[in-house]
Amino acid sequence: GVSVEKILLTHGHIDHAGGAKALADELGVPVEGPHEADRFW
């Protein structure tokens, strides 16, 4: 029964971040994290 206001990522591996873009777009919320050193992933 909550209202999601953002998505947080601990790191960029597939099993943690694979759905972030689709969910962020669907909910209209920002994605915060991880550190930019995980841009590669």
PDB file of all heavy atoms in Angstrom:
ATOM      1  N   GLY A   1       0.799  -1.217   0.000  1.00  0.00           N
ATOM      2  CA  GLY A   1       0.000   0.000   0.000  1.00  0.00           C
ATOM      3  C   GLY A   1       0.832   1.267   0.000  1.00  0.00           C
ATOM      4  O   GLY A   1       0.446   2.278   0.601  1.00  0.00           O
ATOM      5  N   VAL A   2       1.984   1.218  -0.693  1.00  0.00           N
ATOM      6  CA  VAL A   2       2.903   2.349  -0.688  1.00  0.00           C
ATOM      7  C   VAL A   2       2.930   3.046  -2.044  1.00  0.00           C
ATOM      8  O   VAL A   2       2.477   2.500  -3.054  1.00  0.00           O
ATOM      9  CB  VAL A   2       4.330   1.899  -0.315  1.00  0.00           C
ATOM     10  CG1 VAL A   2       4.344   1.347   1.107  1.00  0.00           C
ATOM     11  CG2 VAL A   2       4.864   0.850  -1.296  1.00  0.00           C
ATOM     12  N   SER A   3       3.482   4.246  -2.039  1.00  0.00           N
ATOM     13  CA  SER A   3       3.673   5.027  -3.256  1.00  0.00           C
ATOM     14  C   SER A   3       5.166   5.126  -3.532  1.00  0.00           C
ATOM     15  O   SER A   3       5.916   5.713  -2.739  1.00  0.00           O
ATOM     16  CB  SER A   3       3.069   6.426  -3.080  1.00  0.00           C
ATOM     17  OG  SER A   3       3.390   7.243  -4.179  1.00  0.00           O
ATOM     18  N   VAL A   4       5.613   4.536  -4.629  1.00  0.00           N
ATOM     19  CA  VAL A   4       7.047   4.506  -4.939  1.00  0.00           C
ATOM     20  C   VAL A   4       7.479   5.851  -5.508  1.00  0.00           C
ATOM     21  O   VAL A   4       6.878   6.367  -6.457  1.00  0.00           O
ATOM     22  CB  VAL A   4       7.364   3.374  -5.939  1.00  0.00           C
ATOM     23  CG1 VAL A   4       8.832   3.425  -6.365  1.00  0.00           C
ATOM     24  CG2 VAL A   4       7.027   2.019  -5.324  1.00  0.00           C
ATOM     25  N   GLU A   5       8.538   6.410  -4.913  1.00  0.00           N
ATOM     26  CA  GLU A   5       9.030   7.703  -5.390  1.00  0.00           C
ATOM     27  C   GLU A   5      10.401   7.626  -6.036  1.00  0.00           C
ATOM     28  O   GLU A   5      10.845   8.588  -6.654  1.00  0.00           O
ATOM     29  CB  GLU A   5       9.040   8.733  -4.254  1.00  0.00           C
ATOM     30  CG  GLU A   5       9.921   8.394  -3.086  1.00  0.00           C
ATOM     31  CD  GLU A   5       9.910   9.489  -2.019  1.00  0.00           C
ATOM     32  OE1 GLU A   5       9.136  10.462  -2.170  1.00  0.00           O
ATOM     33  OE2 GLU A   5      10.683   9.377  -1.056  1.00  0.00           O
ATOM     34  N   LYS A   6      11.078   6.482  -5.932  1.00  0.00           N
ATOM     35  CA  LYS A   6      12.373   6.347  -6.602  1.00  0.00           C
ATOM     36  C   LYS A   6      12.823   4.896  -6.606  1.00  0.00           C
ATOM     37  O   LYS A   6      12.263   4.050  -5.893  1.00  0.00           O
ATOM     38  CB  LYS A   6      13.443   7.210  -5.939  1.00  0.00           C
ATOM     39  CG  LYS A   6      13.810   6.808  -4.524  1.00  0.00           C
ATOM     40  CD  LYS A   6      14.785   7.796  -3.894  1.00  0.00           C
ATOM     41  CE  LYS A   6      14.211   9.202  -3.813  1.00  0.00           C
ATOM     42  NZ  LYS A   6      15.100  10.164  -3.141  1.00  0.00           N
ATOM     43  N   ILE A   7      13.831   4.640  -7.418  1.00  0.00           N
ATOM     44  CA  ILE A   7      14.497   3.343  -7.469  1.00  0.00           C
ATOM     45  C   ILE A   7      15.936   3.558  -7.039  1.00  0.00           C
ATOM     46  O   ILE A   7      16.582   4.519  -7.474  1.00  0.00           O
ATOM     47  CB  ILE A   7      14.429   2.743  -8.882  1.00  0.00           C
ATOM     48  CG1 ILE A   7      12.985   2.331  -9.208  1.00  0.00           C
ATOM     49  CG2 ILE A   7      15.372   1.552  -9.029  1.00  0.00           C
ATOM     50  CD1 ILE A   7      12.747   2.033 -10.657  1.00  0.00           C
ATOM     51  N   LEU A   8      16.437   2.686  -6.164  1.00  0.00           N
ATOM     52  CA  LEU A   8      17.821   2.747  -5.711  1.00  0.00           C
ATOM     53  C   LEU A   8      18.568   1.507  -6.189  1.00  0.00           C
ATOM     54  O   LEU A   8      18.022   0.402  -6.155  1.00  0.00           O
ATOM     55  CB  LEU A   8      17.889   2.815  -4.175  1.00  0.00           C
ATOM     56  CG  LEU A   8      17.203   3.999  -3.499  1.00  0.00           C
ATOM     57  CD1 LEU A   8      17.272   3.854  -1.976  1.00  0.00           C
ATOM     58  CD2 LEU A   8      17.834   5.316  -3.930  1.00  0.00           C
ATOM     59  N   LEU A   9      19.808   1.702  -6.640  1.00  0.00           N
ATOM     60  CA  LEU A   9      20.638   0.590  -7.092  1.00  0.00           C
ATOM     61  C   LEU A   9      21.910   0.515  -6.259  1.00  0.00           C
ATOM     62  O   LEU A   9      22.613   1.523  -6.100  1.00  0.00           O
ATOM     63  CB  LEU A   9      21.016   0.752  -8.570  1.00  0.00           C
ATOM     64  CG  LEU A   9      19.873   0.736  -9.582  1.00  0.00           C
ATOM     65  CD1 LEU A   9      20.424   0.936 -10.994  1.00  0.00           C
ATOM     66  CD2 LEU A   9      19.074  -0.562  -9.510  1.00  0.00           C
ATOM     67  N   THR A  10      22.220  -0.690  -5.756  1.00  0.00           N
ATOM     68  CA  THR A  10      23.478  -0.883  -5.039  1.00  0.00           C
ATOM     69  C   THR A  10      24.641  -1.067  -6.001  1.00  0.00           C
ATOM     70  O   THR A  10      25.763  -0.651  -5.711  1.00  0.00           O
ATOM     71  CB  THR A  10      23.426  -2.096  -4.091  1.00  0.00           C
ATOM     72  OG1 THR A  10      23.196  -3.292  -4.862  1.00  0.00           O
ATOM     73  CG2 THR A  10      22.330  -1.928  -3.039  1.00  0.00           C
ATOM     74  N   HIS A  11      24.364  -1.715  -7.136  1.00  0.00           N
ATOM     75  CA  HIS A  11      25.409  -1.902  -8.153  1.00  0.00           C
ATOM     76  C   HIS A  11      24.752  -2.296  -9.467  1.00  0.00           C
ATOM     77  O   HIS A  11      23.531  -2.409  -9.555  1.00  0.00           O
ATOM     78  CB  HIS A  11      26.458  -2.917  -7.696  1.00  0.00           C
ATOM     79  CG  HIS A  11      25.981  -4.319  -7.498  1.00  0.00           C
ATOM     80  ND1 HIS A  11      25.114  -4.685  -6.486  1.00  0.00           N
ATOM     81  CD2 HIS A  11      26.270  -5.469  -8.171  1.00  0.00           C
ATOM     82  CE1 HIS A  11      24.893  -5.986  -6.539  1.00  0.00           C
ATOM     83  NE2 HIS A  11      25.583  -6.491  -7.560  1.00  0.00           N
ATOM     84  N   GLY A  12      25.583  -2.487 -10.492  1.00  0.00           N
ATOM     85  CA  GLY A  12      25.047  -2.591 -11.839  1.00  0.00           C
ATOM     86  C   GLY A  12      24.858  -3.968 -12.419  1.00  0.00           C
ATOM     87  O   GLY A  12      24.568  -4.096 -13.601  1.00  0.00           O
ATOM     88  N   HIS A  13      25.000  -5.026 -11.636  1.00  0.00           N
ATOM     89  CA  HIS A  13      24.835  -6.373 -12.184  1.00  0.00           C
ATOM     90  C   HIS A  13      23.399  -6.636 -12.616  1.00  0.00           C
ATOM     91  O   HIS A  13      22.451  -6.105 -12.041  1.00  0.00           O
ATOM     92  CB  HIS A  13      25.277  -7.426 -11.157  1.00  0.00           C
ATOM     93  CG  HIS A  13      26.765  -7.565 -11.052  1.00  0.00           C
ATOM     94  ND1 HIS A  13      27.374  -8.223 -10.003  1.00  0.00           N
ATOM     95  CD2 HIS A  13      27.774  -7.137 -11.864  1.00  0.00           C
ATOM     96  CE1 HIS A  13      28.700  -8.195 -10.179  1.00  0.00           C
ATOM     97  NE2 HIS A  13      28.956  -7.546 -11.290  1.00  0.00           N
ATOM     98  N   ILE A  14      23.268  -7.506 -13.596  1.00  0.00           N
ATOM     99  CA  ILE A  14      21.988  -7.780 -14.257  1.00  0.00           C
ATOM    100  C   ILE A  14      20.876  -8.150 -13.280  1.00  0.00           C
ATOM    101  O   ILE A  14      19.737  -7.682 -13.394  1.00  0.00           O
ATOM    102  CB  ILE A  14      22.178  -8.895 -15.322  1.00  0.00           C
ATOM    103  CG1 ILE A  14      20.863  -9.239 -16.021  1.00  0.00           C
ATOM    104  CG2 ILE A  14      22.791 -10.155 -14.705  1.00  0.00           C
ATOM    105  CD1 ILE A  14      20.371  -8.188 -16.967  1.00  0.00           C
ATOM    106  N   ASP A  15      21.173  -8.987 -12.285  1.00  0.00           N
ATOM    107  CA  ASP A  15      20.122  -9.460 -11.390  1.00  0.00           C
ATOM    108  C   ASP A  15      19.675  -8.380 -10.402  1.00  0.00           C
ATOM    109  O   ASP A  15      18.663  -8.545  -9.717  1.00  0.00           O
ATOM    110  CB  ASP A  15      20.549 -10.729 -10.648  1.00  0.00           C
ATOM    111  CG  ASP A  15      21.874 -10.594  -9.920  1.00  0.00           C
ATOM    112  OD1 ASP A  15      22.755  -9.858 -10.417  1.00  0.00           O
ATOM    113  OD2 ASP A  15      22.054 -11.229  -8.863  1.00  0.00           O
ATOM    114  N   HIS A  16      20.411  -7.280 -10.343  1.00  0.00           N
ATOM    115  CA  HIS A  16      20.044  -6.164  -9.460  1.00  0.00           C
ATOM    116  C   HIS A  16      19.447  -4.992 -10.226  1.00  0.00           C
ATOM    117  O   HIS A  16      18.643  -4.240  -9.679  1.00  0.00           O
ATOM    118  CB  HIS A  16      21.270  -5.683  -8.680  1.00  0.00           C
ATOM    119  CG  HIS A  16      21.754  -6.663  -7.669  1.00  0.00           C
ATOM    120  ND1 HIS A  16      21.555  -6.513  -6.312  1.00  0.00           N
ATOM    121  CD2 HIS A  16      22.414  -7.842  -7.822  1.00  0.00           C
ATOM    122  CE1 HIS A  16      22.076  -7.550  -5.680  1.00  0.00           C
ATOM    123  NE2 HIS A  16      22.602  -8.369  -6.572  1.00  0.00           N
ATOM    124  N   ALA A  17      19.872  -4.816 -11.476  1.00  0.00           N
ATOM    125  CA  ALA A  17      19.509  -3.599 -12.206  1.00  0.00           C
ATOM    126  C   ALA A  17      18.748  -3.844 -13.503  1.00  0.00           C
ATOM    127  O   ALA A  17      18.318  -2.885 -14.153  1.00  0.00           O
ATOM    128  CB  ALA A  17      20.782  -2.795 -12.510  1.00  0.00           C
ATOM    129  N   GLY A  18      18.547  -5.098 -13.877  1.00  0.00           N
ATOM    130  CA  GLY A  18      17.963  -5.395 -15.175  1.00  0.00           C
ATOM    131  C   GLY A  18      16.600  -4.779 -15.428  1.00  0.00           C
ATOM    132  O   GLY A  18      16.274  -4.387 -16.545  1.00  0.00           O
ATOM    133  N   GLY A  19      15.765  -4.680 -14.371  1.00  0.00           N
ATOM    134  CA  GLY A  19      14.418  -4.148 -14.536  1.00  0.00           C
ATOM    135  C   GLY A  19      14.279  -2.685 -14.168  1.00  0.00           C
ATOM    136  O   GLY A  19      13.173  -2.138 -14.204  1.00  0.00           O
ATOM    137  N   ALA A  20      15.386  -2.024 -13.826  1.00  0.00           N
ATOM    138  CA  ALA A  20      15.309  -0.652 -13.311  1.00  0.00           C
ATOM    139  C   ALA A  20      14.735   0.330 -14.328  1.00  0.00           C
ATOM    140  O   ALA A  20      13.875   1.153 -13.998  1.00  0.00           O
ATOM    141  CB  ALA A  20      16.694  -0.188 -12.846  1.00  0.00           C
ATOM    142  N   LYS A  21      15.197   0.244 -15.570  1.00  0.00           N
ATOM    143  CA  LYS A  21      14.729   1.189 -16.596  1.00  0.00           C
ATOM    144  C   LYS A  21      13.236   1.017 -16.849  1.00  0.00           C
ATOM    145  O   LYS A  21      12.477   2.005 -16.868  1.00  0.00           O
ATOM    146  CB  LYS A  21      15.520   0.969 -17.889  1.00  0.00           C
ATOM    147  CG  LYS A  21      15.050   1.802 -19.093  1.00  0.00           C
ATOM    148  CD  LYS A  21      15.448   3.254 -18.947  1.00  0.00           C
ATOM    149  CE  LYS A  21      15.372   4.012 -20.275  1.00  0.00           C
ATOM    150  NZ  LYS A  21      14.042   4.105 -20.866  1.00  0.00           N
ATOM    151  N   ALA A  22      12.796  -0.214 -17.031  1.00  0.00           N
ATOM    152  CA  ALA A  22      11.380  -0.455 -17.319  1.00  0.00           C
ATOM    153  C   ALA A  22      10.499  -0.015 -16.155  1.00  0.00           C
ATOM    154  O   ALA A  22       9.452   0.613 -16.354  1.00  0.00           O
ATOM    155  CB  ALA A  22      11.154  -1.937 -17.632  1.00  0.00           C
ATOM    156  N   LEU A  23      10.917  -0.313 -14.931  1.00  0.00           N
ATOM    157  CA  LEU A  23      10.104   0.056 -13.772  1.00  0.00           C
ATOM    158  C   LEU A  23      10.103   1.568 -13.566  1.00  0.00           C
ATOM    159  O   LEU A  23       9.061   2.162 -13.251  1.00  0.00           O
ATOM    160  CB  LEU A  23      10.634  -0.643 -12.522  1.00  0.00           C
ATOM    161  CG  LEU A  23       9.776  -0.488 -11.261  1.00  0.00           C
ATOM    162  CD1 LEU A  23       8.386  -1.091 -11.466  1.00  0.00           C
ATOM    163  CD2 LEU A  23      10.459  -1.144 -10.055  1.00  0.00           C
ATOM    164  N   ALA A  24      11.255   2.205 -13.760  1.00  0.00           N
ATOM    165  CA  ALA A  24      11.329   3.662 -13.614  1.00  0.00           C
ATOM    166  C   ALA A  24      10.432   4.355 -14.637  1.00  0.00           C
ATOM    167  O   ALA A  24       9.721   5.321 -14.313  1.00  0.00           O
ATOM    168  CB  ALA A  24      12.769   4.137 -13.764  1.00  0.00           C
ATOM    169  N   ASP A  25      10.462   3.863 -15.863  1.00  0.00           N
ATOM    170  CA  ASP A  25       9.619   4.457 -16.909  1.00  0.00           C
ATOM    171  C   ASP A  25       8.142   4.254 -16.595  1.00  0.00           C
ATOM    172  O   ASP A  25       7.324   5.164 -16.752  1.00  0.00           O
ATOM    173  CB  ASP A  25       9.949   3.842 -18.268  1.00  0.00           C
ATOM    174  CG  ASP A  25      11.297   4.303 -18.811  1.00  0.00           C
ATOM    175  OD1 ASP A  25      11.891   5.223 -18.219  1.00  0.00           O
ATOM    176  OD2 ASP A  25      11.758   3.718 -19.818  1.00  0.00           O
ATOM    177  N   GLU A  26       7.808   3.070 -16.134  1.00  0.00           N
ATOM    178  CA  GLU A  26       6.419   2.739 -15.838  1.00  0.00           C
ATOM    179  C   GLU A  26       5.866   3.592 -14.698  1.00  0.00           C
ATOM    180  O   GLU A  26       4.729   4.082 -14.751  1.00  0.00           O
ATOM    181  CB  GLU A  26       6.324   1.261 -15.479  1.00  0.00           C
ATOM    182  CG  GLU A  26       4.941   0.781 -15.125  1.00  0.00           C
ATOM    183  CD  GLU A  26       4.960  -0.690 -14.718  1.00  0.00           C
ATOM    184  OE1 GLU A  26       5.557  -1.502 -15.443  1.00  0.00           O
ATOM    185  OE2 GLU A  26       4.391  -1.015 -13.662  1.00  0.00           O
ATOM    186  N   LEU A  27       6.686   3.789 -13.659  1.00  0.00           N
ATOM    187  CA  LEU A  27       6.237   4.531 -12.481  1.00  0.00           C
ATOM    188  C   LEU A  27       6.511   6.026 -12.584  1.00  0.00           C
ATOM    189  O   LEU A  27       6.022   6.805 -11.762  1.00  0.00           O
ATOM    190  CB  LEU A  27       6.920   3.975 -11.223  1.00  0.00           C
ATOM    191  CG  LEU A  27       6.632   2.515 -10.878  1.00  0.00           C
ATOM    192  CD1 LEU A  27       7.434   2.090  -9.655  1.00  0.00           C
ATOM    193  CD2 LEU A  27       5.142   2.290 -10.646  1.00  0.00           C
ATOM    194  N   GLY A  28       7.334   6.420 -13.548  1.00  0.00           N
ATOM    195  CA  GLY A  28       7.674   7.829 -13.693  1.00  0.00           C
ATOM    196  C   GLY A  28       8.525   8.345 -12.544  1.00  0.00           C
ATOM    197  O   GLY A  28       8.325   9.452 -12.053  1.00  0.00           O
ATOM    198  N   VAL A  29       9.501   7.534 -12.119  1.00  0.00           N
ATOM    199  CA  VAL A  29      10.349   7.897 -10.986  1.00  0.00           C
ATOM    200  C   VAL A  29      11.821   7.849 -11.389  1.00  0.00           C
ATOM    201  O   VAL A  29      12.188   7.179 -12.352  1.00  0.00           O
ATOM    202  CB  VAL A  29      10.109   6.956  -9.777  1.00  0.00           C
ATOM    203  CG1 VAL A  29       8.655   7.054  -9.318  1.00  0.00           C
ATOM    204  CG2 VAL A  29      10.473   5.513 -10.118  1.00  0.00           C
ATOM    205  N   PRO A  30      12.689   8.556 -10.650  1.00  0.00           N
ATOM    206  CA  PRO A  30      14.117   8.541 -10.964  1.00  0.00           C
ATOM    207  C   PRO A  30      14.821   7.303 -10.432  1.00  0.00           C
ATOM    208  O   PRO A  30      14.320   6.619  -9.539  1.00  0.00           O
ATOM    209  CB  PRO A  30      14.641   9.796 -10.259  1.00  0.00           C
ATOM    210  CG  PRO A  30      13.717   9.970  -9.093  1.00  0.00           C
ATOM    211  CD  PRO A  30      12.365   9.508  -9.564  1.00  0.00           C
ATOM    212  N   VAL A  31      16.005   7.051 -10.990  1.00  0.00           N
ATOM    213  CA  VAL A  31      16.900   5.995 -10.517  1.00  0.00           C
ATOM    214  C   VAL A  31      18.102   6.669  -9.871  1.00  0.00           C
ATOM    215  O   VAL A  31      18.738   7.533 -10.484  1.00  0.00           O
ATOM    216  CB  VAL A  31      17.363   5.084 -11.672  1.00  0.00           C
ATOM    217  CG1 VAL A  31      18.369   4.044 -11.169  1.00  0.00           C
ATOM    218  CG2 VAL A  31      16.176   4.420 -12.345  1.00  0.00           C
ATOM    219  N   GLU A  32      18.419   6.289  -8.632  1.00  0.00           N
ATOM    220  CA  GLU A  32      19.565   6.844  -7.929  1.00  0.00           C
ATOM    221  C   GLU A  32      20.538   5.727  -7.581  1.00  0.00           C
ATOM    222  O   GLU A  32      20.143   4.689  -7.053  1.00  0.00           O
ATOM    223  CB  GLU A  32      19.120   7.583  -6.665  1.00  0.00           C
ATOM    224  CG  GLU A  32      18.191   8.758  -6.968  1.00  0.00           C
ATOM    225  CD  GLU A  32      17.817   9.559  -5.733  1.00  0.00           C
ATOM    226  OE1 GLU A  32      18.382   9.307  -4.648  1.00  0.00           O
ATOM    227  OE2 GLU A  32      16.950  10.437  -5.853  1.00  0.00           O
ATOM    228  N   GLY A  33      21.817   5.959  -7.872  1.00  0.00           N
ATOM    229  CA  GLY A  33      22.863   4.976  -7.633  1.00  0.00           C
ATOM    230  C   GLY A  33      23.032   4.073  -8.849  1.00  0.00           C
ATOM    231  O   GLY A  33      22.218   4.105  -9.766  1.00  0.00           O
ATOM    232  N   PRO A  34      24.092   3.313  -8.825  1.00  0.00           N
ATOM    233  CA  PRO A  34      25.152   3.257  -7.819  1.00  0.00           C
ATOM    234  C   PRO A  34      26.193   4.354  -8.044  1.00  0.00           C
ATOM    235  O   PRO A  34      25.848   5.432  -8.538  1.00  0.00           O
ATOM    236  CB  PRO A  34      25.739   1.857  -8.045  1.00  0.00           C
ATOM    237  CG  PRO A  34      25.559   1.629  -9.535  1.00  0.00           C
ATOM    238  CD  PRO A  34      24.257   2.308  -9.878  1.00  0.00           C
ATOM    239  N   HIS A  35      27.455   4.081  -7.691  1.00  0.00           N
ATOM    240  CA  HIS A  35      28.560   4.980  -8.018  1.00  0.00           C
ATOM    241  C   HIS A  35      28.852   4.856  -9.512  1.00  0.00           C
ATOM    242  O   HIS A  35      28.648   3.798 -10.119  1.00  0.00           O
ATOM    243  CB  HIS A  35      29.791   4.588  -7.193  1.00  0.00           C
ATOM    244  CG  HIS A  35      30.976   5.485  -7.372  1.00  0.00           C
ATOM    245  ND1 HIS A  35      31.823   5.390  -8.453  1.00  0.00           N
ATOM    246  CD2 HIS A  35      31.453   6.484  -6.602  1.00  0.00           C
ATOM    247  CE1 HIS A  35      32.778   6.292  -8.343  1.00  0.00           C
ATOM    248  NE2 HIS A  35      32.583   6.984  -7.224  1.00  0.00           N
ATOM    249  N   GLU A  36      29.364   5.929 -10.096  1.00  0.00           N
ATOM    250  CA  GLU A  36      29.554   5.944 -11.553  1.00  0.00           C
ATOM    251  C   GLU A  36      30.574   4.919 -12.037  1.00  0.00           C
ATOM    252  O   GLU A  36      30.598   4.589 -13.231  1.00  0.00           O
ATOM    253  CB  GLU A  36      29.970   7.341 -12.016  1.00  0.00           C
ATOM    254  CG  GLU A  36      29.850   7.512 -13.519  1.00  0.00           C
ATOM    255  CD  GLU A  36      30.010   8.944 -13.980  1.00  0.00           C
ATOM    256  OE1 GLU A  36      30.273   9.834 -13.144  1.00  0.00           O
ATOM    257  OE2 GLU A  36      29.857   9.172 -15.195  1.00  0.00           O
ATOM    258  N   ALA A  37      31.376   4.370 -11.141  1.00  0.00           N
ATOM    259  CA  ALA A  37      32.322   3.328 -11.544  1.00  0.00           C
ATOM    260  C   ALA A  37      31.603   2.086 -12.075  1.00  0.00           C
ATOM    261  O   ALA A  37      32.227   1.247 -12.731  1.00  0.00           O
ATOM    262  CB  ALA A  37      33.222   2.949 -10.375  1.00  0.00           C
ATOM    263  N   ASP A  38      30.305   1.964 -11.831  1.00  0.00           N
ATOM    264  CA  ASP A  38      29.526   0.831 -12.364  1.00  0.00           C
ATOM    265  C   ASP A  38      28.825   1.167 -13.670  1.00  0.00           C
ATOM    266  O   ASP A  38      27.984   0.387 -14.137  1.00  0.00           O
ATOM    267  CB  ASP A  38      28.505   0.338 -11.326  1.00  0.00           C
ATOM    268  CG  ASP A  38      29.059  -0.815 -10.500  1.00  0.00           C
ATOM    269  OD1 ASP A  38      30.294  -1.010 -10.490  1.00  0.00           O
ATOM    270  OD2 ASP A  38      28.261  -1.521  -9.858  1.00  0.00           O
ATOM    271  N   ARG A  39      29.171   2.286 -14.290  1.00  0.00           N
ATOM    272  CA  ARG A  39      28.597   2.604 -15.605  1.00  0.00           C
ATOM    273  C   ARG A  39      28.842   1.467 -16.596  1.00  0.00           C
ATOM    274  O   ARG A  39      27.999   1.152 -17.432  1.00  0.00           O
ATOM    275  CB  ARG A  39      29.200   3.914 -16.128  1.00  0.00           C
ATOM    276  CG  ARG A  39      28.634   4.347 -17.471  1.00  0.00           C
ATOM    277  CD  ARG A  39      29.363   5.564 -18.001  1.00  0.00           C
ATOM    278  NE  ARG A  39      29.003   6.775 -17.287  1.00  0.00           N
ATOM    279  CZ  ARG A  39      27.934   7.515 -17.563  1.00  0.00           C
ATOM    280  NH1 ARG A  39      27.091   7.136 -18.512  1.00  0.00           N
ATOM    281  NH2 ARG A  39      27.698   8.622 -16.889  1.00  0.00           N
ATOM    282  N   PHE A  40      30.007   0.837 -16.492  1.00  0.00           N
ATOM    283  CA  PHE A  40      30.373  -0.304 -17.339  1.00  0.00           C
ATOM    284  C   PHE A  40      29.279  -1.365 -17.323  1.00  0.00           C
ATOM    285  O   PHE A  40      28.874  -1.888 -18.374  1.00  0.00           O
ATOM    286  CB  PHE A  40      31.701  -0.887 -16.844  1.00  0.00           C
ATOM    287  CG  PHE A  40      32.000  -2.286 -17.342  1.00  0.00           C
ATOM    288  CD1 PHE A  40      32.527  -2.487 -18.604  1.00  0.00           C
ATOM    289  CD2 PHE A  40      31.763  -3.395 -16.537  1.00  0.00           C
ATOM    290  CE1 PHE A  40      32.802  -3.777 -19.058  1.00  0.00           C
ATOM    291  CE2 PHE A  40      32.038  -4.683 -16.975  1.00  0.00           C
ATOM    292  CZ  PHE A  40      32.562  -4.869 -18.251  1.00  0.00           C
ATOM    293  N   TRP A  41      28.787  -1.700 -16.122  1.00  0.00           N
ATOM    294  CA  TRP A  41      27.775  -2.754 -16.003  1.00  0.00           C
ATOM    295  C   TRP A  41      26.409  -2.282 -16.489  1.00  0.00           C
ATOM    296  O   TRP A  41      25.694  -3.030 -17.180  1.00  0.00           O
ATOM    297  CB  TRP A  41      27.680  -3.225 -14.548  1.00  0.00           C
ATOM    298  CG  TRP A  41      28.870  -4.010 -14.105  1.00  0.00           C
ATOM    299  CD1 TRP A  41      29.865  -3.617 -13.260  1.00  0.00           C
ATOM    300  CD2 TRP A  41      29.219  -5.342 -14.517  1.00  0.00           C
ATOM    301  NE1 TRP A  41      30.801  -4.617 -13.109  1.00  0.00           N
ATOM    302  CE2 TRP A  41      30.422  -5.681 -13.867  1.00  0.00           C
ATOM    303  CE3 TRP A  41      28.621  -6.283 -15.372  1.00  0.00           C
ATOM    304  CZ2 TRP A  41      31.047  -6.921 -14.044  1.00  0.00           C
ATOM    305  CZ3 TRP A  41      29.232  -7.516 -15.543  1.00  0.00           C
ATOM    306  CH2 TRP A  41      30.416  -7.821 -14.887  1.00  0.00           C
TER     307      TRP A  41
END
